[in-house]
C-alpha atoms as a PDB file:
ATOM      1  CA  LEU A   1      35.684  -4.573   3.410  1.00  0.00           C
ATOM      2  CA  GLU A   2      36.934  -1.023   2.813  1.00  0.00           C
ATOM      3  CA  GLY A   3      33.644  -0.057   1.138  1.00  0.00           C
ATOM      4  CA  ALA A   4      31.682  -1.521   4.046  1.00  0.00           C
ATOM      5  CA  VAL A   5      33.673   0.552   6.539  1.00  0.00           C
ATOM      6  CA  GLN A   6      33.083   3.718   4.515  1.00  0.00           C
ATOM      7  CA  ALA A   7      29.375   2.899   4.235  1.00  0.00           C
ATOM      8  CA  ALA A   8      29.110   2.420   7.988  1.00  0.00           C
ATOM      9  CA  GLU A   9      30.764   5.783   8.640  1.00  0.00           C
ATOM     10  CA  VAL A  10      28.376   7.599   6.310  1.00  0.00           C
ATOM     11  CA  LEU A  11      25.276   5.747   7.511  1.00  0.00           C
ATOM     12  CA  ASN A  12      26.090   6.309  11.182  1.00  0.00           C
ATOM     13  CA  SER A  13      25.761  10.033  10.507  1.00  0.00           C
ATOM     14  CA  CYS A  14      22.119   9.521   9.403  1.00  0.00           C
ATOM     15  CA  PRO A  15      20.418   7.858  12.398  1.00  0.00           C
ATOM     16  CA  LYS A  16      16.848   8.397  11.178  1.00  0.00           C
ATOM     17  CA  LEU A  17      17.309   7.023   7.683  1.00  0.00           C
ATOM     18  CA  ARG A  18      14.250   5.027   6.541  1.00  0.00           C
ATOM     19  CA  GLU A  19      14.971   4.501   2.821  1.00  0.00           C
ATOM     20  CA  LEU A  20      18.224   3.571   1.169  1.00  0.00           C
ATOM     21  CA  LYS A  21      19.046   2.837  -2.468  1.00  0.00           C
ATOM     22  CA  VAL A  22      22.478   1.429  -3.211  1.00  0.00           C
ATOM     23  CA  GLY A  23      23.807  -0.787  -5.925  1.00  0.00           C
ATOM     24  CA  GLY A  24      25.379  -0.786  -9.314  1.00  0.00           C
ATOM     25  CA  SER A  25      28.791  -1.599  -7.930  1.00  0.00           C
ATOM     26  CA  GLU A  26      30.789  -4.591  -6.777  1.00  0.00           C
ATOM     27  CA  ILE A  27      31.363  -2.654  -3.575  1.00  0.00           C
ATOM     28  CA  VAL A  28      27.779  -3.600  -2.622  1.00  0.00           C
ATOM     29  CA  ASP A  29      28.608  -7.061  -1.337  1.00  0.00           C
ATOM     30  CA  ASP A  30      27.675  -9.085   1.748  1.00  0.00           C
ATOM     31  CA  ASP A  31      29.956  -7.017   4.026  1.00  0.00           C
ATOM     32  CA  PHE A  32      28.467  -3.793   2.672  1.00  0.00           C
ATOM     33  CA  VAL A  33      24.917  -5.056   3.334  1.00  0.00           C
ATOM     34  CA  SER A  34      25.956  -6.112   6.830  1.00  0.00           C
ATOM     35  CA  ALA A  35      27.340  -2.611   7.502  1.00  0.00           C
ATOM     36  CA  ILE A  36      24.108  -1.042   6.226  1.00  0.00           C
ATOM     37  CA  CYS A  37      21.944  -3.227   8.430  1.00  0.00           C
ATOM     38  CA  ALA A  38      24.082  -2.669  11.521  1.00  0.00           C
ATOM     39  CA  ALA A  39      24.139   1.109  11.041  1.00  0.00           C
ATOM     40  CA  GLN A  40      20.469   1.475  10.088  1.00  0.00           C
ATOM     41  CA  PRO A  41      18.320  -1.063  11.965  1.00  0.00           C
ATOM     42  CA  ALA A  42      15.174   1.009  11.324  1.00  0.00           C
ATOM     43  CA  LEU A  43      15.300   0.885   7.507  1.00  0.00           C
ATOM     44  CA  GLU A  44      11.892   0.416   5.931  1.00  0.00           C
ATOM     45  CA  THR A  45      12.945   0.458   2.263  1.00  0.00           C
ATOM     46  CA  LEU A  46      16.127  -1.087   0.923  1.00  0.00           C
ATOM     47  CA  ASP A  47      17.089  -1.200  -2.748  1.00  0.00           C
ATOM     48  CA  ILE A  48      20.236  -3.201  -3.473  1.00  0.00           C
ATOM     49  CA  SER A  49      19.824  -3.571  -7.212  1.00  0.00           C
ATOM     50  CA  ASN A  50      22.365  -3.957  -9.999  1.00  0.00           C
ATOM     51  CA  THR A  51      24.975  -5.997  -8.190  1.00  0.00           C
ATOM     52  CA  ASN A  52      25.958  -9.586  -8.808  1.00  0.00           C
ATOM     53  CA  VAL A  53      28.191 -10.310  -5.822  1.00  0.00           C
ATOM     54  CA  LEU A  54      25.580 -10.817  -3.089  1.00  0.00           C
ATOM     55  CA  THR A  55      25.124 -14.235  -1.521  1.00  0.00           C
ATOM     56  CA  ASP A  56      22.539 -15.765   0.785  1.00  0.00           C
ATOM     57  CA  ALA A  57      24.580 -14.375   3.694  1.00  0.00           C
ATOM     58  CA  ALA A  58      23.374 -10.864   2.764  1.00  0.00           C
ATOM     59  CA  LEU A  59      19.746 -12.025   2.882  1.00  0.00           C
ATOM     60  CA  PHE A  60      20.335 -13.706   6.242  1.00  0.00           C
ATOM     61  CA  THR A  61      21.799 -10.457   7.605  1.00  0.00           C
ATOM     62  CA  ILE A  62      18.812  -8.473   6.338  1.00  0.00           C
ATOM     63  CA  GLN A  63      16.319 -10.850   7.923  1.00  0.00           C
ATOM     64  CA  GLN A  64      18.213 -10.841  11.219  1.00  0.00           C
ATOM     65  CA  GLN A  65      18.777  -7.087  11.441  1.00  0.00           C
ATOM     66  CA  LEU A  66      15.757  -5.554   9.678  1.00  0.00           C
ATOM     67  CA  ALA A  67      12.969  -8.070  10.377  1.00  0.00           C
ATOM     68  CA  ALA A  68      11.092  -5.626  12.605  1.00  0.00           C
ATOM     69  CA  THR A  69      11.096  -2.693  10.173  1.00  0.00           C
ATOM     70  CA  LEU A  70      11.654  -3.706   6.540  1.00  0.00           C
ATOM     71  CA  ARG A  71       8.604  -3.084   4.341  1.00  0.00           C
ATOM     72  CA  ARG A  72      10.028  -2.874   0.805  1.00  0.00           C
ATOM     73  CA  LEU A  73      13.018  -4.683  -0.695  1.00  0.00           C
ATOM     74  CA  THR A  74      14.326  -4.397  -4.240  1.00  0.00           C
ATOM     75  CA  LEU A  75      16.690  -7.028  -5.630  1.00  0.00           C
ATOM     76  CA  VAL A  76      16.521  -6.217  -9.334  1.00  0.00           C
ATOM     77  CA  TYR A  77      19.550  -7.487 -11.243  1.00  0.00           C
ATOM     78  CA  ALA A  78      20.990  -8.714  -7.930  1.00  0.00           C
ATOM     79  CA  LEU A  79      19.893 -12.344  -7.930  1.00  0.00           C
ATOM     80  CA  LYS A  80      22.888 -14.121  -9.432  1.00  0.00           C
ATOM     81  CA  GLY A  81      24.424 -15.404  -6.175  1.00  0.00           C
ATOM     82  CA  LEU A  82      21.175 -15.751  -4.232  1.00  0.00           C
ATOM     83  CA  SER A  83      19.054 -18.848  -3.788  1.00  0.00           C
ATOM     84  CA  ALA A  84      15.278 -18.950  -3.993  1.00  0.00           C
ATOM     85  CA  PRO A  85      14.956 -20.736  -0.616  1.00  0.00           C
ATOM     86  CA  ALA A  86      16.943 -17.922   1.048  1.00  0.00           C
ATOM     87  CA  VAL A  87      14.688 -15.264  -0.507  1.00  0.00           C
ATOM     88  CA  LEU A  88      11.611 -17.176   0.692  1.00  0.00           C
ATOM     89  CA  GLN A  89      13.053 -17.442   4.208  1.00  0.00           C
ATOM     90  CA  LEU A  90      13.713 -13.689   4.270  1.00  0.00           C
ATOM     91  CA  VAL A  91      10.140 -12.940   3.180  1.00  0.00           C
ATOM     92  CA  GLU A  92       8.748 -15.253   5.857  1.00  0.00           C
ATOM     93  CA  GLU A  93      10.945 -13.800   8.622  1.00  0.00           C
ATOM     94  CA  CYS A  94      10.424 -10.116   7.773  1.00  0.00           C
ATOM     95  CA  GLN A  95       6.798  -9.934   8.879  1.00  0.00           C
ATOM     96  CA  HIS A  96       6.288  -6.316   7.752  1.00  0.00           C
ATOM     97  CA  LEU A  97       7.695  -6.864   4.255  1.00  0.00           C
ATOM     98  CA  THR A  98       4.906  -6.185   1.776  1.00  0.00           C
ATOM     99  CA  THR A  99       6.771  -5.427  -1.447  1.00  0.00           C
ATOM    100  CA  LEU A 100       9.564  -7.404  -3.037  1.00  0.00           C
ATOM    101  CA  LYS A 101      10.849  -6.319  -6.443  1.00  0.00           C
ATOM    102  CA  LEU A 102      12.973  -8.678  -8.477  1.00  0.00           C
ATOM    103  CA  ASN A 103      13.450  -9.811 -12.031  1.00  0.00           C
ATOM    104  CA  GLU A 104      13.374 -13.332 -13.386  1.00  0.00           C
ATOM    105  CA  GLU A 105      16.080 -12.526 -15.902  1.00  0.00           C
ATOM    106  CA  GLY A 106      18.542 -11.635 -13.147  1.00  0.00           C
ATOM    107  CA  GLY A 107      20.126 -14.989 -12.482  1.00  0.00           C
ATOM    108  CA  PHE A 108      18.956 -17.602 -10.017  1.00  0.00           C
ATOM    109  CA  GLU A 109      21.037 -20.470 -11.256  1.00  0.00           C
ATOM    110  CA  TYR A 110      20.435 -22.311  -7.980  1.00  0.00           C
ATOM    111  CA  TYR A 111      22.448 -25.484  -8.585  1.00  0.00           C
ATOM    112  CA  GLY A 112      21.082 -25.481 -12.133  1.00  0.00           C
ATOM    113  CA  ASP A 113      17.689 -26.713 -10.902  1.00  0.00           C
ATOM    114  CA  ARG A 114      14.799 -24.653 -12.266  1.00  0.00           C
ATOM    115  CA  GLU A 115      12.548 -25.888  -9.445  1.00  0.00           C
ATOM    116  CA  PHE A 116      14.629 -23.829  -7.019  1.00  0.00           C
ATOM    117  CA  SER A 117      14.590 -20.724  -9.199  1.00  0.00           C
ATOM    118  CA  LEU A 118      12.436 -17.640  -8.872  1.00  0.00           C
ATOM    119  CA  TYR A 119      10.867 -17.918 -12.278  1.00  0.00           C
ATOM    120  CA  PRO A 120       7.099 -17.352 -12.186  1.00  0.00           C
ATOM    121  CA  ALA A 121       5.070 -20.501 -11.478  1.00  0.00           C
ATOM    122  CA  GLN A 122       8.003 -22.214  -9.764  1.00  0.00           C
ATOM    123  CA  PRO A 123       7.353 -23.332  -6.156  1.00  0.00           C
ATOM    124  CA  HIS A 124       9.422 -20.678  -4.348  1.00  0.00           C
ATOM    125  CA  TYR A 125       8.115 -17.839  -6.506  1.00  0.00           C
ATOM    126  CA  VAL A 126       4.523 -18.948  -5.894  1.00  0.00           C
ATOM    127  CA  GLU A 127       5.110 -19.258  -2.139  1.00  0.00           C
ATOM    128  CA  ILE A 128       6.746 -15.815  -1.886  1.00  0.00           C
ATOM    129  CA  GLU A 129       3.908 -14.289  -3.870  1.00  0.00           C
ATOM    130  CA  SER A 130       1.360 -16.001  -1.605  1.00  0.00           C
ATOM    131  CA  VAL A 131       3.019 -14.817   1.626  1.00  0.00           C
ATOM    132  CA  LEU A 132       3.188 -11.221   0.389  1.00  0.00           C
ATOM    133  CA  GLN A 133      -0.401 -11.244  -0.892  1.00  0.00           C
ATOM    134  CA  HIS A 134      -1.597 -12.625   2.447  1.00  0.00           C
ATOM    135  CA  ARG A 135      -0.052  -9.532   4.052  1.00  0.00           C
ATOM    136  CA  GLY A 136      -1.755  -7.248   1.533  1.00  0.00           C
ATOM    137  CA  GLY A 137       1.461  -6.798  -0.414  1.00  0.00           C
ATOM    138  CA  LYS A 138       2.887  -7.899  -3.725  1.00  0.00           C
ATOM    139  CA  LEU A 139       5.772  -9.506  -5.558  1.00  0.00           C
ATOM    140  CA  VAL A 140       6.779  -7.204  -8.391  1.00  0.00           C
ATOM    141  CA  ASP A 141       8.552  -8.902 -11.269  1.00  0.00           C
ATOM    142  CA  VAL A 142      10.359  -6.068 -13.022  1.00  0.00           C
ATOM    143  CA  GLU A 143      10.759  -6.690 -16.732  1.00  0.00           C
ATOM    144  CA  ASP A 144      13.147  -3.899 -17.580  1.00  0.00           C
ATOM    145  CA  GLU A 145      15.275  -1.232 -15.927  1.00  0.00           C
ATOM    146  CA  ASP A 146      12.641   1.464 -16.548  1.00  0.00           C
ATOM    147  CA  GLN A 147      10.352  -0.228 -14.011  1.00  0.00           C
ATOM    148  CA  ILE A 148      12.850  -0.499 -11.154  1.00  0.00           C
ATOM    149  CA  GLY A 149      11.663   2.623  -9.333  1.00  0.00           C
ATOM    150  CA  ASP A 150       8.339   3.203 -11.053  1.00  0.00           C
ATOM    151  CA  ASP A 151       5.663   2.213  -8.610  1.00  0.00           C
ATOM    152  CA  ASP A 152       4.862   3.710  -5.262  1.00  0.00           C
ATOM    153  CA  GLU A 153       7.984   5.662  -4.493  1.00  0.00           C
ATOM    154  CA  ASP A 154       6.096   7.218  -1.606  1.00  0.00           C
ATOM    155  CA  GLY A 155       5.845   3.814   0.049  1.00  0.00           C
ATOM    156  CA  SER A 156       2.093   3.399  -0.221  1.00  0.00           C
ATOM    157  CA  ASP A 157       2.181  -0.119  -1.701  1.00  0.00           C
ATOM    158  CA  ALA A 158       0.253  -1.864   1.053  1.00  0.00           C
ATOM    159  CA  ASP A 159      -1.953   1.137   1.713  1.00  0.00           C
ATOM    160  CA  GLU A 160      -3.370   0.907  -1.805  1.00  0.00           C
ATOM    161  CA  THR A 161      -4.312  -2.716  -1.219  1.00  0.00           C
ATOM    162  CA  ASP A 162      -6.098  -1.715   1.986  1.00  0.00           C
ATOM    163  CA  ASP A 163      -8.014   0.986   0.085  1.00  0.00           C
ATOM    164  CA  GLU A 164      -9.213  -1.587  -2.439  1.00  0.00           C
ATOM    165  CA  SER A 165     -10.773  -3.667   0.313  1.00  0.00           C
ATOM    166  CA  GLY A 166     -13.790  -1.383   0.231  1.00  0.00           C
ATOM    167  CA  ASP A 167     -13.529   0.870   3.248  1.00  0.00           C
ATOM    168  CA  GLU A 168     -16.748   2.690   2.481  1.00  0.00           C
ATOM    169  CA  SER A 169     -16.399   5.277   5.221  1.00  0.00           C
ATOM    170  CA  ASP A 170     -13.506   6.891   3.349  1.00  0.00           C
ATOM    171  CA  GLU A 171     -15.403   6.800   0.068  1.00  0.00           C
ATOM    172  CA  GLY A 172     -18.405   8.506   1.645  1.00  0.00           C
ATOM    173  CA  GLU A 173     -16.312  11.260   3.151  1.00  0.00           C
ATOM    174  CA  SER A 174     -14.371  11.982  -0.014  1.00  0.00           C
ATOM    175  CA  GLY A 175     -17.544  11.889  -2.072  1.00  0.00           C
ATOM    176  CA  SER A 176     -19.219  14.518   0.108  1.00  0.00           C
ATOM    177  CA  GLU A 177     -16.164  16.785  -0.128  1.00  0.00           C
ATOM    178  CA  ASP A 178     -16.291  16.535  -3.917  1.00  0.00           C
ATOM    179  CA  GLU A 179     -20.006  17.345  -3.885  1.00  0.00           C
ATOM    180  CA  ASP A 180     -19.395  20.376  -1.637  1.00  0.00           C
ATOM    181  CA  GLU A 181     -16.712  21.658  -4.023  1.00  0.00           C
ATOM    182  CA  MET A 182     -18.978  21.197  -7.027  1.00  0.00           C
ATOM    183  CA  GLU A 183     -21.861  23.050  -5.359  1.00  0.00           C
ATOM    184  CA  SER A 184     -19.648  25.993  -4.477  1.00  0.00           C
ATOM    185  CA  GLY A 185     -18.186  26.093  -7.987  1.00  0.00           C
ATOM    186  CA  GLU A 186     -14.754  25.030  -6.766  1.00  0.00           C
ATOM    187  CA  GLY A 187     -13.162  21.942  -8.177  1.00  0.00           C
ATOM    188  CA  GLU A 188     -14.449  22.431 -11.722  1.00  0.00           C
ATOM    189  CA  GLU A 189     -10.922  23.104 -12.984  1.00  0.00           C
ATOM    190  CA  SER A 190      -9.567  20.028 -11.239  1.00  0.00           C
ATOM    191  CA  GLU A 191     -12.334  17.888 -12.739  1.00  0.00           C
ATOM    192  CA  ASP A 192     -11.357  19.094 -16.224  1.00  0.00           C
ATOM    193  CA  ALA A 193      -7.701  18.380 -15.485  1.00  0.00           C
ATOM    194  CA  ILE A 194      -8.523  14.816 -14.458  1.00  0.00           C
ATOM    195  CA  GLU A 195     -10.404  14.114 -17.698  1.00  0.00           C
END
């Protein structure tokens, strides 16, 4: 509880915090997550990786406190005490959540029943993936530690999916800007740099 109190004191001094990465310590437990959520109800990105002391209570707190704002959640190497049904419930309740990062190697010994695990092709994994894809998001299954923070650090996960939907008005505008640059002789260096 001491770590949770210290976390609350620090986080209360940052009222506009939108992204928080914590983990790698046993201090990041359910009480710590509760303190984070209470102090920062506007968090959009939360990374609580590399801890094995979280329980479903932490997920319940997140869904209760951050449901209106949370867009990205990372639980890499943090799955040992969590159940797949609790992760699914969190994803369903946090309507703005579009990216969930986890790793299948990280635990999920939910009563020893593989059906309730988050291994790919298992029912809960498939349902979580479906919910996120329906929102234009994704379930990222991180295979190694090098991938934990690799994609979309700027938070543009869902925006990329929207761009792929074929919004032709943007393509037309950007194409004409490129043509204007080429006609004026500008942009030739940048074209070489891209190739």
